[in-house]
Amino acid sequence: QWGVSRLYLSAGETVASGQQKIFNFTVTAPATAGTYNFKWRML
């Protein structure tokens, strides 16, 4: 619904135990007015 459903790590990137990862990305607002949930989870 935000124009993207998965965010990938860069080729060769490693996030070791204890490290933080910032996912910077662009979303596109849905075409229909309303209230939409914005929620993500690692997999």
PDB file of all heavy atoms in Angstrom:
ATOM      1  N   GLN A   1       0.813  -1.219   0.000  1.00  0.00           N
ATOM      2  CA  GLN A   1       0.000   0.000   0.000  1.00  0.00           C
ATOM      3  C   GLN A   1       0.847   1.271   0.000  1.00  0.00           C
ATOM      4  O   GLN A   1       0.376   2.333  -0.385  1.00  0.00           O
ATOM      5  CB  GLN A   1      -0.985   0.024   1.159  1.00  0.00           C
ATOM      6  CG  GLN A   1      -0.388   0.394   2.502  1.00  0.00           C
ATOM      7  CD  GLN A   1      -1.426   0.390   3.620  1.00  0.00           C
ATOM      8  OE1 GLN A   1      -2.565  -0.039   3.443  1.00  0.00           O
ATOM      9  NE2 GLN A   1      -1.040   0.866   4.772  1.00  0.00           N
ATOM     10  N   TRP A   2       2.089   1.171   0.415  1.00  0.00           N
ATOM     11  CA  TRP A   2       2.998   2.318   0.417  1.00  0.00           C
ATOM     12  C   TRP A   2       3.910   2.324  -0.814  1.00  0.00           C
ATOM     13  O   TRP A   2       4.885   3.049  -0.860  1.00  0.00           O
ATOM     14  CB  TRP A   2       3.837   2.335   1.705  1.00  0.00           C
ATOM     15  CG  TRP A   2       2.978   2.521   2.917  1.00  0.00           C
ATOM     16  CD1 TRP A   2       2.672   1.589   3.861  1.00  0.00           C
ATOM     17  CD2 TRP A   2       2.277   3.700   3.297  1.00  0.00           C
ATOM     18  NE1 TRP A   2       1.832   2.114   4.796  1.00  0.00           N
ATOM     19  CE2 TRP A   2       1.568   3.419   4.475  1.00  0.00           C
ATOM     20  CE3 TRP A   2       2.171   4.982   2.732  1.00  0.00           C
ATOM     21  CZ2 TRP A   2       0.765   4.370   5.115  1.00  0.00           C
ATOM     22  CZ3 TRP A   2       1.378   5.924   3.379  1.00  0.00           C
ATOM     23  CH2 TRP A   2       0.687   5.615   4.544  1.00  0.00           C
ATOM     24  N   GLY A   3       3.629   1.461  -1.790  1.00  0.00           N
ATOM     25  CA  GLY A   3       4.431   1.414  -3.004  1.00  0.00           C
ATOM     26  C   GLY A   3       5.656   0.534  -2.879  1.00  0.00           C
ATOM     27  O   GLY A   3       6.397   0.352  -3.834  1.00  0.00           O
ATOM     28  N   VAL A   4       5.889  -0.008  -1.708  1.00  0.00           N
ATOM     29  CA  VAL A   4       7.024  -0.905  -1.457  1.00  0.00           C
ATOM     30  C   VAL A   4       6.613  -1.855  -0.339  1.00  0.00           C
ATOM     31  O   VAL A   4       5.919  -1.457   0.600  1.00  0.00           O
ATOM     32  CB  VAL A   4       8.294  -0.101  -1.084  1.00  0.00           C
ATOM     33  CG1 VAL A   4       8.103   0.691   0.193  1.00  0.00           C
ATOM     34  CG2 VAL A   4       9.500  -1.002  -0.955  1.00  0.00           C
ATOM     35  N   SER A   5       7.001  -3.122  -0.461  1.00  0.00           N
ATOM     36  CA  SER A   5       6.642  -4.070   0.598  1.00  0.00           C
ATOM     37  C   SER A   5       7.863  -4.730   1.237  1.00  0.00           C
ATOM     38  O   SER A   5       7.746  -5.353   2.281  1.00  0.00           O
ATOM     39  CB  SER A   5       5.692  -5.148   0.070  1.00  0.00           C
ATOM     40  OG  SER A   5       6.299  -5.880  -0.964  1.00  0.00           O
ATOM     41  N   ARG A   6       9.038  -4.583   0.592  1.00  0.00           N
ATOM     42  CA  ARG A   6      10.272  -5.146   1.135  1.00  0.00           C
ATOM     43  C   ARG A   6      11.399  -4.140   0.968  1.00  0.00           C
ATOM     44  O   ARG A   6      11.509  -3.489  -0.066  1.00  0.00           O
ATOM     45  CB  ARG A   6      10.692  -6.414   0.379  1.00  0.00           C
ATOM     46  CG  ARG A   6       9.836  -7.621   0.644  1.00  0.00           C
ATOM     47  CD  ARG A   6      10.248  -8.290   1.943  1.00  0.00           C
ATOM     48  NE  ARG A   6       9.712  -9.616   2.047  1.00  0.00           N
ATOM     49  CZ  ARG A   6       8.468  -9.908   2.377  1.00  0.00           C
ATOM     50  NH1 ARG A   6       7.607  -8.962   2.600  1.00  0.00           N
ATOM     51  NH2 ARG A   6       8.075 -11.152   2.474  1.00  0.00           N
ATOM     52  N   LEU A   7      12.256  -4.076   1.971  1.00  0.00           N
ATOM     53  CA  LEU A   7      13.464  -3.255   1.908  1.00  0.00           C
ATOM     54  C   LEU A   7      14.646  -4.176   2.079  1.00  0.00           C
ATOM     55  O   LEU A   7      14.701  -4.966   3.024  1.00  0.00           O
ATOM     56  CB  LEU A   7      13.434  -2.190   3.002  1.00  0.00           C
ATOM     57  CG  LEU A   7      12.229  -1.263   2.837  1.00  0.00           C
ATOM     58  CD1 LEU A   7      11.924  -0.532   4.108  1.00  0.00           C
ATOM     59  CD2 LEU A   7      12.474  -0.313   1.704  1.00  0.00           C
ATOM     60  N   TYR A   8      15.584  -4.077   1.155  1.00  0.00           N
ATOM     61  CA  TYR A   8      16.709  -4.998   1.086  1.00  0.00           C
ATOM     62  C   TYR A   8      17.971  -4.358   1.658  1.00  0.00           C
ATOM     63  O   TYR A   8      18.152  -3.146   1.598  1.00  0.00           O
ATOM     64  CB  TYR A   8      16.973  -5.387  -0.373  1.00  0.00           C
ATOM     65  CG  TYR A   8      15.842  -6.172  -0.990  1.00  0.00           C
ATOM     66  CD1 TYR A   8      14.657  -5.551  -1.367  1.00  0.00           C
ATOM     67  CD2 TYR A   8      15.963  -7.534  -1.183  1.00  0.00           C
ATOM     68  CE1 TYR A   8      13.616  -6.276  -1.931  1.00  0.00           C
ATOM     69  CE2 TYR A   8      14.926  -8.264  -1.755  1.00  0.00           C
ATOM     70  CZ  TYR A   8      13.755  -7.633  -2.120  1.00  0.00           C
ATOM     71  OH  TYR A   8      12.732  -8.353  -2.668  1.00  0.00           O
ATOM     72  N   LEU A   9      18.866  -5.188   2.165  1.00  0.00           N
ATOM     73  CA  LEU A   9      20.199  -4.729   2.521  1.00  0.00           C
ATOM     74  C   LEU A   9      20.991  -4.574   1.222  1.00  0.00           C
ATOM     75  O   LEU A   9      20.702  -5.237   0.226  1.00  0.00           O
ATOM     76  CB  LEU A   9      20.893  -5.748   3.430  1.00  0.00           C
ATOM     77  CG  LEU A   9      20.221  -5.998   4.784  1.00  0.00           C
ATOM     78  CD1 LEU A   9      20.922  -7.150   5.509  1.00  0.00           C
ATOM     79  CD2 LEU A   9      20.227  -4.750   5.636  1.00  0.00           C
ATOM     80  N   SER A  10      21.991  -3.721   1.239  1.00  0.00           N
ATOM     81  CA  SER A  10      22.852  -3.544   0.063  1.00  0.00           C
ATOM     82  C   SER A  10      23.731  -4.775  -0.118  1.00  0.00           C
ATOM     83  O   SER A  10      24.081  -5.447   0.855  1.00  0.00           O
ATOM     84  CB  SER A  10      23.748  -2.323   0.243  1.00  0.00           C
ATOM     85  OG  SER A  10      22.959  -1.165   0.406  1.00  0.00           O
ATOM     86  N   ALA A  11      24.097  -5.053  -1.365  1.00  0.00           N
ATOM     87  CA  ALA A  11      25.006  -6.166  -1.648  1.00  0.00           C
ATOM     88  C   ALA A  11      26.292  -5.959  -0.851  1.00  0.00           C
ATOM     89  O   ALA A  11      26.850  -4.861  -0.850  1.00  0.00           O
ATOM     90  CB  ALA A  11      25.299  -6.242  -3.133  1.00  0.00           C
ATOM     91  N   GLY A  12      26.732  -6.968  -0.147  1.00  0.00           N
ATOM     92  CA  GLY A  12      27.959  -6.883   0.627  1.00  0.00           C
ATOM     93  C   GLY A  12      27.802  -6.255   1.999  1.00  0.00           C
ATOM     94  O   GLY A  12      28.733  -6.267   2.796  1.00  0.00           O
ATOM     95  N   GLU A  13      26.622  -5.729   2.308  1.00  0.00           N
ATOM     96  CA  GLU A  13      26.392  -5.120   3.619  1.00  0.00           C
ATOM     97  C   GLU A  13      26.195  -6.199   4.683  1.00  0.00           C
ATOM     98  O   GLU A  13      25.548  -7.210   4.432  1.00  0.00           O
ATOM     99  CB  GLU A  13      25.148  -4.230   3.561  1.00  0.00           C
ATOM    100  CG  GLU A  13      24.827  -3.537   4.868  1.00  0.00           C
ATOM    101  CD  GLU A  13      23.597  -2.639   4.770  1.00  0.00           C
ATOM    102  OE1 GLU A  13      22.856  -2.713   3.766  1.00  0.00           O
ATOM    103  OE2 GLU A  13      23.383  -1.862   5.711  1.00  0.00           O
ATOM    104  N   THR A  14      26.764  -5.976   5.864  1.00  0.00           N
ATOM    105  CA  THR A  14      26.591  -6.884   6.997  1.00  0.00           C
ATOM    106  C   THR A  14      26.162  -6.081   8.208  1.00  0.00           C
ATOM    107  O   THR A  14      26.777  -5.054   8.528  1.00  0.00           O
ATOM    108  CB  THR A  14      27.904  -7.614   7.327  1.00  0.00           C
ATOM    109  OG1 THR A  14      28.279  -8.408   6.189  1.00  0.00           O
ATOM    110  CG2 THR A  14      27.746  -8.520   8.538  1.00  0.00           C
ATOM    111  N   VAL A  15      25.100  -6.528   8.861  1.00  0.00           N
ATOM    112  CA  VAL A  15      24.663  -5.932  10.115  1.00  0.00           C
ATOM    113  C   VAL A  15      24.940  -6.975  11.192  1.00  0.00           C
ATOM    114  O   VAL A  15      24.234  -7.967  11.318  1.00  0.00           O
ATOM    115  CB  VAL A  15      23.174  -5.544  10.092  1.00  0.00           C
ATOM    116  CG1 VAL A  15      22.771  -4.891  11.415  1.00  0.00           C
ATOM    117  CG2 VAL A  15      22.880  -4.621   8.909  1.00  0.00           C
ATOM    118  N   ALA A  16      26.021  -6.758  11.939  1.00  0.00           N
ATOM    119  CA  ALA A  16      26.450  -7.716  12.960  1.00  0.00           C
ATOM    120  C   ALA A  16      25.600  -7.575  14.217  1.00  0.00           C
ATOM    121  O   ALA A  16      24.915  -6.563  14.424  1.00  0.00           O
ATOM    122  CB  ALA A  16      27.919  -7.489  13.286  1.00  0.00           C
ATOM    123  N   SER A  17      25.674  -8.582  15.073  1.00  0.00           N
ATOM    124  CA  SER A  17      24.990  -8.527  16.361  1.00  0.00           C
ATOM    125  C   SER A  17      25.409  -7.258  17.099  1.00  0.00           C
ATOM    126  O   SER A  17      26.594  -6.918  17.159  1.00  0.00           O
ATOM    127  CB  SER A  17      25.348  -9.766  17.181  1.00  0.00           C
ATOM    128  OG  SER A  17      24.674  -9.729  18.421  1.00  0.00           O
ATOM    129  N   GLY A  18      24.421  -6.534  17.618  1.00  0.00           N
ATOM    130  CA  GLY A  18      24.690  -5.299  18.353  1.00  0.00           C
ATOM    131  C   GLY A  18      24.710  -4.054  17.492  1.00  0.00           C
ATOM    132  O   GLY A  18      24.713  -2.938  18.018  1.00  0.00           O
ATOM    133  N   GLN A  19      24.727  -4.218  16.164  1.00  0.00           N
ATOM    134  CA  GLN A  19      24.742  -3.055  15.276  1.00  0.00           C
ATOM    135  C   GLN A  19      23.329  -2.609  14.924  1.00  0.00           C
ATOM    136  O   GLN A  19      22.395  -3.410  14.908  1.00  0.00           O
ATOM    137  CB  GLN A  19      25.488  -3.365  13.976  1.00  0.00           C
ATOM    138  CG  GLN A  19      26.980  -3.446  14.123  1.00  0.00           C
ATOM    139  CD  GLN A  19      27.660  -3.617  12.755  1.00  0.00           C
ATOM    140  OE1 GLN A  19      27.131  -4.248  11.849  1.00  0.00           O
ATOM    141  NE2 GLN A  19      28.846  -3.041  12.635  1.00  0.00           N
ATOM    142  N   GLN A  20      23.219  -1.316  14.602  1.00  0.00           N
ATOM    143  CA  GLN A  20      21.956  -0.758  14.146  1.00  0.00           C
ATOM    144  C   GLN A  20      21.960  -0.631  12.627  1.00  0.00           C
ATOM    145  O   GLN A  20      23.011  -0.477  12.014  1.00  0.00           O
ATOM    146  CB  GLN A  20      21.711   0.622  14.768  1.00  0.00           C
ATOM    147  CG  GLN A  20      21.463   0.572  16.256  1.00  0.00           C
ATOM    148  CD  GLN A  20      21.131   1.937  16.830  1.00  0.00           C
ATOM    149  OE1 GLN A  20      20.857   2.897  16.118  1.00  0.00           O
ATOM    150  NE2 GLN A  20      21.149   2.016  18.151  1.00  0.00           N
ATOM    151  N   LYS A  21      20.770  -0.695  12.064  1.00  0.00           N
ATOM    152  CA  LYS A  21      20.582  -0.513  10.623  1.00  0.00           C
ATOM    153  C   LYS A  21      19.485   0.521  10.431  1.00  0.00           C
ATOM    154  O   LYS A  21      18.397   0.396  10.989  1.00  0.00           O
ATOM    155  CB  LYS A  21      20.190  -1.842   9.961  1.00  0.00           C
ATOM    156  CG  LYS A  21      19.651  -1.723   8.544  1.00  0.00           C
ATOM    157  CD  LYS A  21      20.657  -1.187   7.560  1.00  0.00           C
ATOM    158  CE  LYS A  21      20.056  -1.084   6.162  1.00  0.00           C
ATOM    159  NZ  LYS A  21      20.933  -0.373   5.244  1.00  0.00           N
ATOM    160  N   ILE A  22      19.796   1.545   9.632  1.00  0.00           N
ATOM    161  CA  ILE A  22      18.797   2.545   9.281  1.00  0.00           C
ATOM    162  C   ILE A  22      18.329   2.252   7.856  1.00  0.00           C
ATOM    163  O   ILE A  22      19.136   2.263   6.925  1.00  0.00           O
ATOM    164  CB  ILE A  22      19.357   3.970   9.370  1.00  0.00           C
ATOM    165  CG1 ILE A  22      19.865   4.262  10.781  1.00  0.00           C
ATOM    166  CG2 ILE A  22      18.288   4.990   8.953  1.00  0.00           C
ATOM    167  CD1 ILE A  22      20.637   5.568  10.893  1.00  0.00           C
ATOM    168  N   PHE A  23      17.062   1.952   7.713  1.00  0.00           N
ATOM    169  CA  PHE A  23      16.461   1.785   6.397  1.00  0.00           C
ATOM    170  C   PHE A  23      15.857   3.134   6.003  1.00  0.00           C
ATOM    171  O   PHE A  23      14.871   3.570   6.604  1.00  0.00           O
ATOM    172  CB  PHE A  23      15.352   0.724   6.429  1.00  0.00           C
ATOM    173  CG  PHE A  23      15.840  -0.683   6.608  1.00  0.00           C
ATOM    174  CD1 PHE A  23      15.911  -1.261   7.874  1.00  0.00           C
ATOM    175  CD2 PHE A  23      16.192  -1.460   5.516  1.00  0.00           C
ATOM    176  CE1 PHE A  23      16.338  -2.575   8.041  1.00  0.00           C
ATOM    177  CE2 PHE A  23      16.616  -2.778   5.673  1.00  0.00           C
ATOM    178  CZ  PHE A  23      16.700  -3.325   6.928  1.00  0.00           C
ATOM    179  N   ASN A  24      16.465   3.820   5.057  1.00  0.00           N
ATOM    180  CA  ASN A  24      15.932   5.060   4.491  1.00  0.00           C
ATOM    181  C   ASN A  24      15.261   4.699   3.182  1.00  0.00           C
ATOM    182  O   ASN A  24      15.879   4.067   2.325  1.00  0.00           O
ATOM    183  CB  ASN A  24      17.057   6.065   4.228  1.00  0.00           C
ATOM    184  CG  ASN A  24      17.649   6.606   5.507  1.00  0.00           C
ATOM    185  OD1 ASN A  24      16.962   7.181   6.334  1.00  0.00           O
ATOM    186  ND2 ASN A  24      18.946   6.403   5.674  1.00  0.00           N
ATOM    187  N   PHE A  25      14.002   5.098   3.018  1.00  0.00           N
ATOM    188  CA  PHE A  25      13.299   4.742   1.794  1.00  0.00           C
ATOM    189  C   PHE A  25      12.188   5.736   1.497  1.00  0.00           C
ATOM    190  O   PHE A  25      11.869   6.595   2.312  1.00  0.00           O
ATOM    191  CB  PHE A  25      12.777   3.305   1.854  1.00  0.00           C
ATOM    192  CG  PHE A  25      11.873   2.974   3.023  1.00  0.00           C
ATOM    193  CD1 PHE A  25      10.510   2.791   2.842  1.00  0.00           C
ATOM    194  CD2 PHE A  25      12.397   2.796   4.299  1.00  0.00           C
ATOM    195  CE1 PHE A  25       9.685   2.452   3.915  1.00  0.00           C
ATOM    196  CE2 PHE A  25      11.577   2.468   5.376  1.00  0.00           C
ATOM    197  CZ  PHE A  25      10.216   2.295   5.174  1.00  0.00           C
ATOM    198  N   THR A  26      11.646   5.621   0.301  1.00  0.00           N
ATOM    199  CA  THR A  26      10.583   6.507  -0.146  1.00  0.00           C
ATOM    200  C   THR A  26       9.297   5.711  -0.258  1.00  0.00           C
ATOM    201  O   THR A  26       9.289   4.615  -0.823  1.00  0.00           O
ATOM    202  CB  THR A  26      10.939   7.127  -1.506  1.00  0.00           C
ATOM    203  OG1 THR A  26      12.169   7.839  -1.369  1.00  0.00           O
ATOM    204  CG2 THR A  26       9.859   8.089  -1.967  1.00  0.00           C
ATOM    205  N   VAL A  27       8.231   6.262   0.299  1.00  0.00           N
ATOM    206  CA  VAL A  27       6.909   5.658   0.161  1.00  0.00           C
ATOM    207  C   VAL A  27       6.036   6.595  -0.660  1.00  0.00           C
ATOM    208  O   VAL A  27       6.299   7.798  -0.740  1.00  0.00           O
ATOM    209  CB  VAL A  27       6.243   5.383   1.526  1.00  0.00           C
ATOM    210  CG1 VAL A  27       7.053   4.365   2.332  1.00  0.00           C
ATOM    211  CG2 VAL A  27       6.050   6.661   2.328  1.00  0.00           C
ATOM    212  N   THR A  28       5.013   6.034  -1.260  1.00  0.00           N
ATOM    213  CA  THR A  28       4.034   6.828  -1.990  1.00  0.00           C
ATOM    214  C   THR A  28       2.703   6.685  -1.265  1.00  0.00           C
ATOM    215  O   THR A  28       2.241   5.560  -1.027  1.00  0.00           O
ATOM    216  CB  THR A  28       3.910   6.346  -3.445  1.00  0.00           C
ATOM    217  OG1 THR A  28       5.193   6.452  -4.064  1.00  0.00           O
ATOM    218  CG2 THR A  28       2.899   7.177  -4.212  1.00  0.00           C
ATOM    219  N   ALA A  29       2.106   7.810  -0.906  1.00  0.00           N
ATOM    220  CA  ALA A  29       0.823   7.781  -0.208  1.00  0.00           C
ATOM    221  C   ALA A  29      -0.232   7.119  -1.091  1.00  0.00           C
ATOM    222  O   ALA A  29      -0.235   7.307  -2.312  1.00  0.00           O
ATOM    223  CB  ALA A  29       0.399   9.196   0.156  1.00  0.00           C
ATOM    224  N   PRO A  30      -1.127   6.339  -0.477  1.00  0.00           N
ATOM    225  CA  PRO A  30      -2.199   5.710  -1.253  1.00  0.00           C
ATOM    226  C   PRO A  30      -3.018   6.762  -2.016  1.00  0.00           C
ATOM    227  O   PRO A  30      -3.065   7.931  -1.634  1.00  0.00           O
ATOM    228  CB  PRO A  30      -3.043   5.017  -0.182  1.00  0.00           C
ATOM    229  CG  PRO A  30      -2.068   4.741   0.934  1.00  0.00           C
ATOM    230  CD  PRO A  30      -1.159   5.942   0.935  1.00  0.00           C
ATOM    231  N   ALA A  31      -3.670   6.331  -3.084  1.00  0.00           N
ATOM    232  CA  ALA A  31      -4.428   7.232  -3.956  1.00  0.00           C
ATOM    233  C   ALA A  31      -5.785   7.630  -3.376  1.00  0.00           C
ATOM    234  O   ALA A  31      -6.402   8.582  -3.833  1.00  0.00           O
ATOM    235  CB  ALA A  31      -4.625   6.583  -5.322  1.00  0.00           C
ATOM    236  N   THR A  32      -6.244   6.897  -2.381  1.00  0.00           N
ATOM    237  CA  THR A  32      -7.546   7.160  -1.771  1.00  0.00           C
ATOM    238  C   THR A  32      -7.353   7.759  -0.384  1.00  0.00           C
ATOM    239  O   THR A  32      -6.562   7.247   0.412  1.00  0.00           O
ATOM    240  CB  THR A  32      -8.356   5.852  -1.662  1.00  0.00           C
ATOM    241  OG1 THR A  32      -8.453   5.269  -2.967  1.00  0.00           O
ATOM    242  CG2 THR A  32      -9.740   6.096  -1.099  1.00  0.00           C
ATOM    243  N   ALA A  33      -8.072   8.835  -0.102  1.00  0.00           N
ATOM    244  CA  ALA A  33      -7.992   9.468   1.213  1.00  0.00           C
ATOM    245  C   ALA A  33      -8.450   8.495   2.297  1.00  0.00           C
ATOM    246  O   ALA A  33      -9.299   7.634   2.061  1.00  0.00           O
ATOM    247  CB  ALA A  33      -8.838  10.738   1.237  1.00  0.00           C
ATOM    248  N   GLY A  34      -7.879   8.645   3.482  1.00  0.00           N
ATOM    249  CA  GLY A  34      -8.254   7.792   4.606  1.00  0.00           C
ATOM    250  C   GLY A  34      -7.099   7.694   5.586  1.00  0.00           C
ATOM    251  O   GLY A  34      -6.091   8.389   5.456  1.00  0.00           O
ATOM    252  N   THR A  35      -7.258   6.818   6.567  1.00  0.00           N
ATOM    253  CA  THR A  35      -6.206   6.583   7.553  1.00  0.00           C
ATOM    254  C   THR A  35      -5.599   5.221   7.274  1.00  0.00           C
ATOM    255  O   THR A  35      -6.312   4.220   7.147  1.00  0.00           O
ATOM    256  CB  THR A  35      -6.769   6.642   8.988  1.00  0.00           C
ATOM    257  OG1 THR A  35      -7.346   7.937   9.186  1.00  0.00           O
ATOM    258  CG2 THR A  35      -5.669   6.422  10.015  1.00  0.00           C
ATOM    259  N   TYR A  36      -4.268   5.196   7.146  1.00  0.00           N
ATOM    260  CA  TYR A  36      -3.544   3.976   6.787  1.00  0.00           C
ATOM    261  C   TYR A  36      -2.490   3.672   7.841  1.00  0.00           C
ATOM    262  O   TYR A  36      -1.856   4.582   8.373  1.00  0.00           O
ATOM    263  CB  TYR A  36      -2.863   4.143   5.424  1.00  0.00           C
ATOM    264  CG  TYR A  36      -3.835   4.277   4.288  1.00  0.00           C
ATOM    265  CD1 TYR A  36      -4.382   5.515   3.966  1.00  0.00           C
ATOM    266  CD2 TYR A  36      -4.218   3.172   3.540  1.00  0.00           C
ATOM    267  CE1 TYR A  36      -5.283   5.642   2.913  1.00  0.00           C
ATOM    268  CE2 TYR A  36      -5.117   3.291   2.484  1.00  0.00           C
ATOM    269  CZ  TYR A  36      -5.641   4.528   2.185  1.00  0.00           C
ATOM    270  OH  TYR A  36      -6.528   4.639   1.149  1.00  0.00           O
ATOM    271  N   ASN A  37      -2.302   2.398   8.102  1.00  0.00           N
ATOM    272  CA  ASN A  37      -1.285   1.972   9.069  1.00  0.00           C
ATOM    273  C   ASN A  37       0.079   1.887   8.412  1.00  0.00           C
ATOM    274  O   ASN A  37       0.209   1.439   7.274  1.00  0.00           O
ATOM    275  CB  ASN A  37      -1.658   0.618   9.674  1.00  0.00           C
ATOM    276  CG  ASN A  37      -2.914   0.707  10.500  1.00  0.00           C
ATOM    277  OD1 ASN A  37      -3.123   1.664  11.226  1.00  0.00           O
ATOM    278  ND2 ASN A  37      -3.769  -0.287  10.385  1.00  0.00           N
ATOM    279  N   PHE A  38       1.088   2.301   9.169  1.00  0.00           N
ATOM    280  CA  PHE A  38       2.486   2.230   8.735  1.00  0.00           C
ATOM    281  C   PHE A  38       3.208   1.395   9.777  1.00  0.00           C
ATOM    282  O   PHE A  38       3.404   1.827  10.912  1.00  0.00           O
ATOM    283  CB  PHE A  38       3.075   3.650   8.667  1.00  0.00           C
ATOM    284  CG  PHE A  38       4.490   3.708   8.159  1.00  0.00           C
ATOM    285  CD1 PHE A  38       4.756   3.857   6.813  1.00  0.00           C
ATOM    286  CD2 PHE A  38       5.566   3.622   9.038  1.00  0.00           C
ATOM    287  CE1 PHE A  38       6.061   3.930   6.340  1.00  0.00           C
ATOM    288  CE2 PHE A  38       6.869   3.695   8.583  1.00  0.00           C
ATOM    289  CZ  PHE A  38       7.117   3.849   7.231  1.00  0.00           C
ATOM    290  N   LYS A  39       3.554   0.151   9.400  1.00  0.00           N
ATOM    291  CA  LYS A  39       4.169  -0.780  10.350  1.00  0.00           C
ATOM    292  C   LYS A  39       5.051  -1.753   9.578  1.00  0.00           C
ATOM    293  O   LYS A  39       4.666  -2.225   8.505  1.00  0.00           O
ATOM    294  CB  LYS A  39       3.079  -1.520  11.129  1.00  0.00           C
ATOM    295  CG  LYS A  39       3.581  -2.355  12.271  1.00  0.00           C
ATOM    296  CD  LYS A  39       2.483  -2.789  13.225  1.00  0.00           C
ATOM    297  CE  LYS A  39       1.404  -3.607  12.577  1.00  0.00           C
ATOM    298  NZ  LYS A  39       0.488  -4.222  13.551  1.00  0.00           N
ATOM    299  N   TRP A  40       6.236  -2.075  10.129  1.00  0.00           N
ATOM    300  CA  TRP A  40       7.230  -2.904   9.454  1.00  0.00           C
ATOM    301  C   TRP A  40       7.789  -3.926  10.430  1.00  0.00           C
ATOM    302  O   TRP A  40       7.724  -3.751  11.645  1.00  0.00           O
ATOM    303  CB  TRP A  40       8.355  -2.022   8.898  1.00  0.00           C
ATOM    304  CG  TRP A  40       7.822  -1.034   7.908  1.00  0.00           C
ATOM    305  CD1 TRP A  40       7.202   0.153   8.196  1.00  0.00           C
ATOM    306  CD2 TRP A  40       7.776  -1.181   6.496  1.00  0.00           C
ATOM    307  NE1 TRP A  40       6.788   0.756   7.031  1.00  0.00           N
ATOM    308  CE2 TRP A  40       7.130  -0.031   5.976  1.00  0.00           C
ATOM    309  CE3 TRP A  40       8.238  -2.165   5.619  1.00  0.00           C
ATOM    310  CZ2 TRP A  40       6.926   0.150   4.617  1.00  0.00           C
ATOM    311  CZ3 TRP A  40       8.039  -1.968   4.270  1.00  0.00           C
ATOM    312  CH2 TRP A  40       7.395  -0.822   3.769  1.00  0.00           C
ATOM    313  N   ARG A  41       8.378  -4.997   9.884  1.00  0.00           N
ATOM    314  CA  ARG A  41       8.963  -6.052  10.725  1.00  0.00           C
ATOM    315  C   ARG A  41      10.096  -6.718   9.964  1.00  0.00           C
ATOM    316  O   ARG A  41      10.028  -6.864   8.738  1.00  0.00           O
ATOM    317  CB  ARG A  41       7.878  -7.075  11.079  1.00  0.00           C
ATOM    318  CG  ARG A  41       8.307  -8.101  12.108  1.00  0.00           C
ATOM    319  CD  ARG A  41       7.143  -8.988  12.481  1.00  0.00           C
ATOM    320  NE  ARG A  41       7.549 -10.004  13.424  1.00  0.00           N
ATOM    321  CZ  ARG A  41       6.898 -11.136  13.630  1.00  0.00           C
ATOM    322  NH1 ARG A  41       5.794 -11.404  12.977  1.00  0.00           N
ATOM    323  NH2 ARG A  41       7.351 -12.014  14.500  1.00  0.00           N
ATOM    324  N   MET A  42      11.116  -7.146  10.687  1.00  0.00           N
ATOM    325  CA  MET A  42      12.244  -7.846  10.064  1.00  0.00           C
ATOM    326  C   MET A  42      11.856  -9.284   9.716  1.00  0.00           C
ATOM    327  O   MET A  42      11.025  -9.899  10.377  1.00  0.00           O
ATOM    328  CB  MET A  42      13.458  -7.868  10.997  1.00  0.00           C
ATOM    329  CG  MET A  42      14.175  -6.543  11.126  1.00  0.00           C
ATOM    330  SD  MET A  42      14.905  -5.920   9.583  1.00  0.00           S
ATOM    331  CE  MET A  42      16.078  -7.234   9.173  1.00  0.00           C
ATOM    332  N   LEU A  43      12.505  -9.791   8.668  1.00  0.00           N
ATOM    333  CA  LEU A  43      12.309 -11.176   8.280  1.00  0.00           C
ATOM    334  C   LEU A  43      13.551 -11.690   7.582  1.00  0.00           C
ATOM    335  O   LEU A  43      14.382 -10.919   7.099  1.00  0.00           O
ATOM    336  CB  LEU A  43      11.113 -11.336   7.333  1.00  0.00           C
ATOM    337  CG  LEU A  43      11.283 -10.776   5.915  1.00  0.00           C
ATOM    338  CD1 LEU A  43      10.581 -11.692   4.923  1.00  0.00           C
ATOM    339  CD2 LEU A  43      10.743  -9.369   5.822  1.00  0.00           C
TER     340      LEU A  43
END
